[in-house]
Amino acid sequence: MSDALIMSGRALRMSRRNVDALITALALPVMLLLIFVNFFGGAIDTGTDQQYVTYVVPGVLLLCAGFGSSNTAIAVVEDLKTGIIDRFRSLNIGGAPILAGHVAASAARNMVATSLVLALAFAMGFRPAATPAGWAAALGILLAFILALSWLSAAVGLLAKSPEAAGGFTFFVSFLPYPSSAFVPTSSLPSWLQGFAENQPVSQVIDSLRGLLLGQPVGWTPWIALAWCAGILGASAVASGWLFRRRTA
């Protein structure tokens, strides 16, 4: 645990010193919220009497998580290329603390970006009706999703041979919210796409966040979302451990 805390501090300092990447990670979600609400919001019918900003905020939060966590893959590749991993191993620091440090830094960046998006959303008219318990549950699910994506990104970083290849992971992760309930109801999608959109993990997380934040019935959806997050996190953590041993053997 002490090694993981030290590696987390290192990863946070690296994020702070990489000003360009930090500004992009924080500013991009804000820009996306402005674009979706101001450019497209007037033309999209969500089938409710809510303002579009109220409908779209959970989807933008997940886009934020996808973009933020993808930087983990790039950071892992950079560590492998510079040889710092060998230096850490000579100090008897294992792979789990190193990767956990990058994941912790990713979660911290994402939570800051989430706070910025929520602050802007409130300024644009977002008015949730969540109870304190609802807010806690929504933030817990969002954090679980961020951690799952960050561990998945760490595994991708161990697979990739270059930062450019790892950066390609951004496209895949940022694409998933589009065929989902993030920006339009799934009933408005083509019939051949609705089955995938309704049952993929992103839709489960978004529907949970939307229901909890707006004080609507959510049923079993939050538990399904957490099951997806646990499955992705567990599989990614195991794969990361195996890949780390293989890359550093």
C-alpha atoms as a PDB file:
ATOM      1  CA  MET A   1       0.000   0.000   0.000  1.00  0.00           C
ATOM      2  CA  SER A   2       2.840   2.419   0.807  1.00  0.00           C
ATOM      3  CA  ASP A   3       4.382   1.758  -2.618  1.00  0.00           C
ATOM      4  CA  ALA A   4       1.013   2.380  -4.270  1.00  0.00           C
ATOM      5  CA  LEU A   5       0.647   5.714  -2.444  1.00  0.00           C
ATOM      6  CA  ILE A   6       4.130   6.773  -3.532  1.00  0.00           C
ATOM      7  CA  MET A   7       3.412   5.802  -7.135  1.00  0.00           C
ATOM      8  CA  SER A   8       0.088   7.665  -6.970  1.00  0.00           C
ATOM      9  CA  GLY A   9       1.904  10.807  -5.854  1.00  0.00           C
ATOM     10  CA  ARG A  10       4.387  10.382  -8.690  1.00  0.00           C
ATOM     11  CA  ALA A  11       1.609  10.000 -11.272  1.00  0.00           C
ATOM     12  CA  LEU A  12      -0.215  13.066  -9.921  1.00  0.00           C
ATOM     13  CA  ARG A  13       2.967  15.153 -10.135  1.00  0.00           C
ATOM     14  CA  MET A  14       3.481  13.979 -13.704  1.00  0.00           C
ATOM     15  CA  SER A  15      -0.077  15.033 -14.559  1.00  0.00           C
ATOM     16  CA  ARG A  16       0.460  18.437 -12.970  1.00  0.00           C
ATOM     17  CA  ARG A  17       3.677  19.019 -14.890  1.00  0.00           C
ATOM     18  CA  ASN A  18       2.192  17.920 -18.226  1.00  0.00           C
ATOM     19  CA  VAL A  19       0.225  21.149 -18.556  1.00  0.00           C
ATOM     20  CA  ASP A  20      -0.984  20.606 -22.145  1.00  0.00           C
ATOM     21  CA  ALA A  21      -2.499  17.202 -21.405  1.00  0.00           C
ATOM     22  CA  LEU A  22      -3.994  18.444 -18.129  1.00  0.00           C
ATOM     23  CA  ILE A  23      -5.701  21.409 -19.800  1.00  0.00           C
ATOM     24  CA  THR A  24      -7.073  19.145 -22.528  1.00  0.00           C
ATOM     25  CA  ALA A  25      -8.399  16.626 -20.000  1.00  0.00           C
ATOM     26  CA  LEU A  26     -10.183  19.374 -18.055  1.00  0.00           C
ATOM     27  CA  ALA A  27     -11.331  21.605 -20.905  1.00  0.00           C
ATOM     28  CA  LEU A  28     -12.564  18.976 -23.362  1.00  0.00           C
ATOM     29  CA  PRO A  29     -15.548  17.773 -21.270  1.00  0.00           C
ATOM     30  CA  VAL A  30     -16.603  21.397 -20.723  1.00  0.00           C
ATOM     31  CA  MET A  31     -16.434  22.062 -24.469  1.00  0.00           C
ATOM     32  CA  LEU A  32     -18.434  18.922 -25.215  1.00  0.00           C
ATOM     33  CA  LEU A  33     -21.198  19.984 -22.835  1.00  0.00           C
ATOM     34  CA  LEU A  34     -21.362  23.418 -24.471  1.00  0.00           C
ATOM     35  CA  ILE A  35     -21.445  21.876 -27.957  1.00  0.00           C
ATOM     36  CA  PHE A  36     -24.158  19.323 -27.243  1.00  0.00           C
ATOM     37  CA  VAL A  37     -26.430  21.711 -25.358  1.00  0.00           C
ATOM     38  CA  ASN A  38     -25.994  24.845 -27.462  1.00  0.00           C
ATOM     39  CA  PHE A  39     -25.485  23.351 -30.936  1.00  0.00           C
ATOM     40  CA  PHE A  40     -27.630  20.213 -30.915  1.00  0.00           C
ATOM     41  CA  GLY A  41     -29.932  20.573 -27.918  1.00  0.00           C
ATOM     42  CA  GLY A  42     -32.606  22.576 -29.723  1.00  0.00           C
ATOM     43  CA  ALA A  43     -32.983  19.942 -32.428  1.00  0.00           C
ATOM     44  CA  ILE A  44     -33.142  16.823 -30.245  1.00  0.00           C
ATOM     45  CA  ASP A  45     -36.396  15.523 -28.797  1.00  0.00           C
ATOM     46  CA  THR A  46     -35.835  13.363 -25.722  1.00  0.00           C
ATOM     47  CA  GLY A  47     -39.521  12.575 -25.267  1.00  0.00           C
ATOM     48  CA  THR A  48     -39.651  14.414 -21.926  1.00  0.00           C
ATOM     49  CA  ASP A  49     -40.392  17.945 -20.766  1.00  0.00           C
ATOM     50  CA  GLN A  50     -36.879  18.299 -19.347  1.00  0.00           C
ATOM     51  CA  GLN A  51     -34.303  20.720 -20.674  1.00  0.00           C
ATOM     52  CA  TYR A  52     -31.768  18.968 -22.871  1.00  0.00           C
ATOM     53  CA  VAL A  53     -28.946  19.885 -20.479  1.00  0.00           C
ATOM     54  CA  THR A  54     -30.712  17.849 -17.780  1.00  0.00           C
ATOM     55  CA  TYR A  55     -30.896  14.843 -20.100  1.00  0.00           C
ATOM     56  CA  VAL A  56     -27.361  15.026 -21.503  1.00  0.00           C
ATOM     57  CA  VAL A  57     -25.250  15.637 -18.365  1.00  0.00           C
ATOM     58  CA  PRO A  58     -24.808  11.909 -17.467  1.00  0.00           C
ATOM     59  CA  GLY A  59     -23.639  11.153 -21.008  1.00  0.00           C
ATOM     60  CA  VAL A  60     -21.085  13.976 -20.953  1.00  0.00           C
ATOM     61  CA  LEU A  61     -19.799  12.739 -17.586  1.00  0.00           C
ATOM     62  CA  LEU A  62     -19.099   9.349 -19.148  1.00  0.00           C
ATOM     63  CA  LEU A  63     -17.432  10.954 -22.163  1.00  0.00           C
ATOM     64  CA  CYS A  64     -15.282  12.805 -19.650  1.00  0.00           C
ATOM     65  CA  ALA A  65     -14.402   9.501 -17.959  1.00  0.00           C
ATOM     66  CA  GLY A  66     -13.463   7.921 -21.288  1.00  0.00           C
ATOM     67  CA  PHE A  67     -11.168  10.728 -22.389  1.00  0.00           C
ATOM     68  CA  GLY A  68      -9.567  11.047 -18.975  1.00  0.00           C
ATOM     69  CA  SER A  69      -8.890   7.363 -18.464  1.00  0.00           C
ATOM     70  CA  SER A  70      -7.344   6.951 -21.921  1.00  0.00           C
ATOM     71  CA  ASN A  71      -4.377   9.059 -20.757  1.00  0.00           C
ATOM     72  CA  THR A  72      -3.495   6.170 -18.444  1.00  0.00           C
ATOM     73  CA  ALA A  73      -2.576   4.017 -21.440  1.00  0.00           C
ATOM     74  CA  ILE A  74      -0.239   6.709 -22.759  1.00  0.00           C
ATOM     75  CA  ALA A  75       1.411   7.157 -19.347  1.00  0.00           C
ATOM     76  CA  VAL A  76       2.026   3.404 -19.025  1.00  0.00           C
ATOM     77  CA  VAL A  77       3.602   3.239 -22.486  1.00  0.00           C
ATOM     78  CA  GLU A  78       5.847   6.196 -21.660  1.00  0.00           C
ATOM     79  CA  ASP A  79       7.039   4.429 -18.506  1.00  0.00           C
ATOM     80  CA  LEU A  80       7.877   1.305 -20.483  1.00  0.00           C
ATOM     81  CA  LYS A  81       9.746   3.278 -23.153  1.00  0.00           C
ATOM     82  CA  THR A  82      11.873   5.373 -20.798  1.00  0.00           C
ATOM     83  CA  GLY A  83      13.105   2.402 -18.778  1.00  0.00           C
ATOM     84  CA  ILE A  84      11.845   3.737 -15.458  1.00  0.00           C
ATOM     85  CA  ILE A  85      10.005   0.432 -14.901  1.00  0.00           C
ATOM     86  CA  ASP A  86      13.353  -1.385 -14.696  1.00  0.00           C
ATOM     87  CA  ARG A  87      14.531   1.190 -12.163  1.00  0.00           C
ATOM     88  CA  PHE A  88      11.439   0.620 -10.038  1.00  0.00           C
ATOM     89  CA  ARG A  89      11.828  -3.157 -10.229  1.00  0.00           C
ATOM     90  CA  SER A  90      15.423  -2.853  -9.029  1.00  0.00           C
ATOM     91  CA  LEU A  91      13.971  -1.080  -5.977  1.00  0.00           C
ATOM     92  CA  ASN A  92      11.662  -4.060  -5.414  1.00  0.00           C
ATOM     93  CA  ILE A  93       8.518  -2.188  -6.465  1.00  0.00           C
ATOM     94  CA  GLY A  94       6.063  -4.541  -8.174  1.00  0.00           C
ATOM     95  CA  GLY A  95       3.768  -3.934 -11.101  1.00  0.00           C
ATOM     96  CA  ALA A  96       0.575  -3.573  -9.046  1.00  0.00           C
ATOM     97  CA  PRO A  97       1.691  -0.385  -7.191  1.00  0.00           C
ATOM     98  CA  ILE A  98       3.001   1.194 -10.419  1.00  0.00           C
ATOM     99  CA  LEU A  99      -0.226   0.590 -12.310  1.00  0.00           C
ATOM    100  CA  ALA A 100      -2.370   1.477  -9.294  1.00  0.00           C
ATOM    101  CA  GLY A 101      -0.582   4.828  -9.141  1.00  0.00           C
ATOM    102  CA  HIS A 102      -1.561   5.629 -12.726  1.00  0.00           C
ATOM    103  CA  VAL A 103      -5.144   4.520 -12.058  1.00  0.00           C
ATOM    104  CA  ALA A 104      -5.373   6.708  -8.942  1.00  0.00           C
ATOM    105  CA  ALA A 105      -4.096   9.721 -10.888  1.00  0.00           C
ATOM    106  CA  SER A 106      -6.649   9.026 -13.610  1.00  0.00           C
ATOM    107  CA  ALA A 107      -9.455   8.908 -11.041  1.00  0.00           C
ATOM    108  CA  ALA A 108      -8.298  12.215  -9.519  1.00  0.00           C
ATOM    109  CA  ARG A 109      -8.163  13.945 -12.922  1.00  0.00           C
ATOM    110  CA  ASN A 110     -11.582  12.612 -13.812  1.00  0.00           C
ATOM    111  CA  MET A 111     -13.184  13.745 -10.575  1.00  0.00           C
ATOM    112  CA  VAL A 112     -11.841  17.280 -11.097  1.00  0.00           C
ATOM    113  CA  ALA A 113     -13.196  17.275 -14.668  1.00  0.00           C
ATOM    114  CA  THR A 114     -16.522  15.926 -13.368  1.00  0.00           C
ATOM    115  CA  SER A 115     -16.737  18.809 -10.899  1.00  0.00           C
ATOM    116  CA  LEU A 116     -16.144  21.320 -13.701  1.00  0.00           C
ATOM    117  CA  VAL A 117     -18.827  19.731 -15.893  1.00  0.00           C
ATOM    118  CA  LEU A 118     -21.363  19.718 -13.050  1.00  0.00           C
ATOM    119  CA  ALA A 119     -20.593  23.345 -12.173  1.00  0.00           C
ATOM    120  CA  LEU A 120     -21.132  24.418 -15.792  1.00  0.00           C
ATOM    121  CA  ALA A 121     -24.264  22.280 -16.054  1.00  0.00           C
ATOM    122  CA  PHE A 122     -25.757  24.024 -13.002  1.00  0.00           C
ATOM    123  CA  ALA A 123     -24.971  27.376 -14.606  1.00  0.00           C
ATOM    124  CA  MET A 124     -26.762  26.233 -17.785  1.00  0.00           C
ATOM    125  CA  GLY A 125     -29.916  25.147 -15.984  1.00  0.00           C
ATOM    126  CA  PHE A 126     -29.262  21.608 -14.757  1.00  0.00           C
ATOM    127  CA  ARG A 127     -31.518  21.050 -11.759  1.00  0.00           C
ATOM    128  CA  PRO A 128     -31.253  17.532 -10.278  1.00  0.00           C
ATOM    129  CA  ALA A 129     -33.739  16.313  -7.708  1.00  0.00           C
ATOM    130  CA  ALA A 130     -31.476  13.762  -6.052  1.00  0.00           C
ATOM    131  CA  THR A 131     -31.432  13.121  -2.327  1.00  0.00           C
ATOM    132  CA  PRO A 132     -28.069  12.993  -0.502  1.00  0.00           C
ATOM    133  CA  ALA A 133     -28.249   9.195  -0.799  1.00  0.00           C
ATOM    134  CA  GLY A 134     -28.954   9.522  -4.512  1.00  0.00           C
ATOM    135  CA  TRP A 135     -25.954  11.806  -4.994  1.00  0.00           C
ATOM    136  CA  ALA A 136     -23.725   9.394  -3.077  1.00  0.00           C
ATOM    137  CA  ALA A 137     -24.951   6.418  -5.127  1.00  0.00           C
ATOM    138  CA  ALA A 138     -24.507   8.294  -8.431  1.00  0.00           C
ATOM    139  CA  LEU A 139     -20.974   9.415  -7.578  1.00  0.00           C
ATOM    140  CA  GLY A 140     -20.115   5.903  -6.392  1.00  0.00           C
ATOM    141  CA  ILE A 141     -21.247   4.365  -9.685  1.00  0.00           C
ATOM    142  CA  LEU A 142     -19.382   7.025 -11.664  1.00  0.00           C
ATOM    143  CA  LEU A 143     -16.191   6.407  -9.665  1.00  0.00           C
ATOM    144  CA  ALA A 144     -16.540   2.636 -10.188  1.00  0.00           C
ATOM    145  CA  PHE A 145     -16.857   3.219 -13.944  1.00  0.00           C
ATOM    146  CA  ILE A 146     -13.814   5.513 -13.956  1.00  0.00           C
ATOM    147  CA  LEU A 147     -11.713   2.946 -12.081  1.00  0.00           C
ATOM    148  CA  ALA A 148     -12.832   0.151 -14.416  1.00  0.00           C
ATOM    149  CA  LEU A 149     -11.950   2.192 -17.512  1.00  0.00           C
ATOM    150  CA  SER A 150      -8.621   3.257 -16.010  1.00  0.00           C
ATOM    151  CA  TRP A 151      -7.570  -0.345 -15.309  1.00  0.00           C
ATOM    152  CA  LEU A 152      -8.683  -1.292 -18.825  1.00  0.00           C
ATOM    153  CA  SER A 153      -6.614   1.591 -20.156  1.00  0.00           C
ATOM    154  CA  ALA A 154      -3.601   0.400 -18.158  1.00  0.00           C
ATOM    155  CA  ALA A 155      -3.934  -3.029 -19.778  1.00  0.00           C
ATOM    156  CA  VAL A 156      -4.094  -1.388 -23.216  1.00  0.00           C
ATOM    157  CA  GLY A 157      -0.965   0.603 -22.371  1.00  0.00           C
ATOM    158  CA  LEU A 158       0.871  -2.647 -21.624  1.00  0.00           C
ATOM    159  CA  LEU A 159      -0.242  -4.034 -24.982  1.00  0.00           C
ATOM    160  CA  ALA A 160       0.576  -0.967 -27.077  1.00  0.00           C
ATOM    161  CA  LYS A 161       4.019  -0.444 -28.542  1.00  0.00           C
ATOM    162  CA  SER A 162       3.893   3.353 -28.764  1.00  0.00           C
ATOM    163  CA  PRO A 163       2.036   6.324 -27.251  1.00  0.00           C
ATOM    164  CA  GLU A 164       0.332   6.855 -30.612  1.00  0.00           C
ATOM    165  CA  ALA A 165      -1.078   3.337 -30.563  1.00  0.00           C
ATOM    166  CA  ALA A 166      -2.205   3.777 -26.966  1.00  0.00           C
ATOM    167  CA  GLY A 167      -3.867   7.067 -27.920  1.00  0.00           C
ATOM    168  CA  GLY A 168      -6.004   5.169 -30.405  1.00  0.00           C
ATOM    169  CA  PHE A 169      -7.765   3.697 -27.385  1.00  0.00           C
ATOM    170  CA  THR A 170      -9.375   7.123 -26.946  1.00  0.00           C
ATOM    171  CA  PHE A 171     -11.416   6.652 -30.086  1.00  0.00           C
ATOM    172  CA  PHE A 172     -12.888   3.327 -28.985  1.00  0.00           C
ATOM    173  CA  VAL A 173     -13.792   4.491 -25.496  1.00  0.00           C
ATOM    174  CA  SER A 174     -15.187   7.837 -26.645  1.00  0.00           C
ATOM    175  CA  PHE A 175     -17.312   6.084 -29.278  1.00  0.00           C
ATOM    176  CA  LEU A 176     -19.207   3.835 -26.840  1.00  0.00           C
ATOM    177  CA  PRO A 177     -21.458   6.582 -25.384  1.00  0.00           C
ATOM    178  CA  TYR A 178     -22.837   7.423 -28.821  1.00  0.00           C
ATOM    179  CA  PRO A 179     -24.692   4.129 -29.469  1.00  0.00           C
ATOM    180  CA  SER A 180     -26.284   4.358 -26.032  1.00  0.00           C
ATOM    181  CA  SER A 181     -28.848   6.386 -24.114  1.00  0.00           C
ATOM    182  CA  ALA A 182     -26.341   9.198 -23.549  1.00  0.00           C
ATOM    183  CA  PHE A 183     -27.617  11.770 -26.029  1.00  0.00           C
ATOM    184  CA  VAL A 184     -30.915  10.431 -27.383  1.00  0.00           C
ATOM    185  CA  PRO A 185     -33.393   7.791 -26.164  1.00  0.00           C
ATOM    186  CA  THR A 186     -32.460   4.344 -27.440  1.00  0.00           C
ATOM    187  CA  SER A 187     -35.956   4.024 -28.919  1.00  0.00           C
ATOM    188  CA  SER A 188     -34.992   6.625 -31.522  1.00  0.00           C
ATOM    189  CA  LEU A 189     -32.056   4.545 -32.787  1.00  0.00           C
ATOM    190  CA  PRO A 190     -32.331   2.105 -35.735  1.00  0.00           C
ATOM    191  CA  SER A 191     -33.936  -1.176 -34.714  1.00  0.00           C
ATOM    192  CA  TRP A 192     -30.789  -3.192 -35.461  1.00  0.00           C
ATOM    193  CA  LEU A 193     -28.820  -0.988 -33.034  1.00  0.00           C
ATOM    194  CA  GLN A 194     -31.309  -0.768 -30.173  1.00  0.00           C
ATOM    195  CA  GLY A 195     -30.460  -4.158 -28.658  1.00  0.00           C
ATOM    196  CA  PHE A 196     -26.784  -3.281 -28.356  1.00  0.00           C
ATOM    197  CA  ALA A 197     -27.476   0.266 -27.151  1.00  0.00           C
ATOM    198  CA  GLU A 198     -29.852  -0.846 -24.405  1.00  0.00           C
ATOM    199  CA  ASN A 199     -27.626  -3.603 -23.007  1.00  0.00           C
ATOM    200  CA  GLN A 200     -24.101  -2.258 -23.252  1.00  0.00           C
ATOM    201  CA  PRO A 201     -22.403  -1.141 -20.002  1.00  0.00           C
ATOM    202  CA  VAL A 202     -22.382   2.570 -20.855  1.00  0.00           C
ATOM    203  CA  SER A 203     -26.183   2.687 -21.139  1.00  0.00           C
ATOM    204  CA  GLN A 204     -26.566   0.920 -17.806  1.00  0.00           C
ATOM    205  CA  VAL A 205     -24.284   3.439 -16.099  1.00  0.00           C
ATOM    206  CA  ILE A 206     -25.925   6.435 -17.791  1.00  0.00           C
ATOM    207  CA  ASP A 207     -29.461   5.272 -16.972  1.00  0.00           C
ATOM    208  CA  SER A 208     -28.397   4.754 -13.358  1.00  0.00           C
ATOM    209  CA  LEU A 209     -26.860   8.227 -13.102  1.00  0.00           C
ATOM    210  CA  ARG A 210     -29.838   9.872 -14.805  1.00  0.00           C
ATOM    211  CA  GLY A 211     -32.383   8.138 -12.594  1.00  0.00           C
ATOM    212  CA  LEU A 212     -30.480   8.754  -9.359  1.00  0.00           C
ATOM    213  CA  LEU A 213     -29.742  12.416 -10.106  1.00  0.00           C
ATOM    214  CA  LEU A 214     -33.295  13.186 -11.204  1.00  0.00           C
ATOM    215  CA  GLY A 215     -34.943  11.241  -8.393  1.00  0.00           C
ATOM    216  CA  GLN A 216     -36.577   8.740 -10.741  1.00  0.00           C
ATOM    217  CA  PRO A 217     -37.143   4.989 -10.174  1.00  0.00           C
ATOM    218  CA  VAL A 218     -34.061   3.014 -11.205  1.00  0.00           C
ATOM    219  CA  GLY A 219     -34.949  -0.585 -10.273  1.00  0.00           C
ATOM    220  CA  TRP A 220     -32.057  -2.991 -10.677  1.00  0.00           C
ATOM    221  CA  THR A 221     -30.176  -0.787 -13.168  1.00  0.00           C
ATOM    222  CA  PRO A 222     -27.540   0.501 -10.669  1.00  0.00           C
ATOM    223  CA  TRP A 223     -26.714  -3.057  -9.623  1.00  0.00           C
ATOM    224  CA  ILE A 224     -26.361  -4.112 -13.248  1.00  0.00           C
ATOM    225  CA  ALA A 225     -24.105  -1.106 -13.855  1.00  0.00           C
ATOM    226  CA  LEU A 226     -21.958  -2.005 -10.845  1.00  0.00           C
ATOM    227  CA  ALA A 227     -21.749  -5.620 -12.033  1.00  0.00           C
ATOM    228  CA  TRP A 228     -20.440  -4.393 -15.409  1.00  0.00           C
ATOM    229  CA  CYS A 229     -17.903  -2.149 -13.685  1.00  0.00           C
ATOM    230  CA  ALA A 230     -16.741  -4.951 -11.372  1.00  0.00           C
ATOM    231  CA  GLY A 231     -16.388  -7.355 -14.285  1.00  0.00           C
ATOM    232  CA  ILE A 232     -14.386  -4.896 -16.402  1.00  0.00           C
ATOM    233  CA  LEU A 233     -12.213  -3.885 -13.456  1.00  0.00           C
ATOM    234  CA  GLY A 234     -11.517  -7.448 -12.351  1.00  0.00           C
ATOM    235  CA  ALA A 235     -10.700  -8.726 -15.841  1.00  0.00           C
ATOM    236  CA  SER A 236      -8.539  -5.674 -16.585  1.00  0.00           C
ATOM    237  CA  ALA A 237      -6.607  -5.919 -13.311  1.00  0.00           C
ATOM    238  CA  VAL A 238      -5.844  -9.612 -13.897  1.00  0.00           C
ATOM    239  CA  ALA A 239      -4.856  -8.943 -17.524  1.00  0.00           C
ATOM    240  CA  SER A 240      -2.673  -6.006 -16.444  1.00  0.00           C
ATOM    241  CA  GLY A 241      -0.785  -8.165 -13.960  1.00  0.00           C
ATOM    242  CA  TRP A 242      -0.137 -10.854 -16.566  1.00  0.00           C
ATOM    243  CA  LEU A 243       0.846  -8.356 -19.262  1.00  0.00           C
ATOM    244  CA  PHE A 244       3.175  -6.497 -16.897  1.00  0.00           C
ATOM    245  CA  ARG A 245       5.046  -9.676 -16.046  1.00  0.00           C
ATOM    246  CA  ARG A 246       5.275 -10.534 -19.731  1.00  0.00           C
ATOM    247  CA  ARG A 247       6.504  -7.082 -20.822  1.00  0.00           C
ATOM    248  CA  THR A 248       9.086  -6.844 -18.035  1.00  0.00           C
ATOM    249  CA  ALA A 249      10.347 -10.422 -18.043  1.00  0.00           C
END
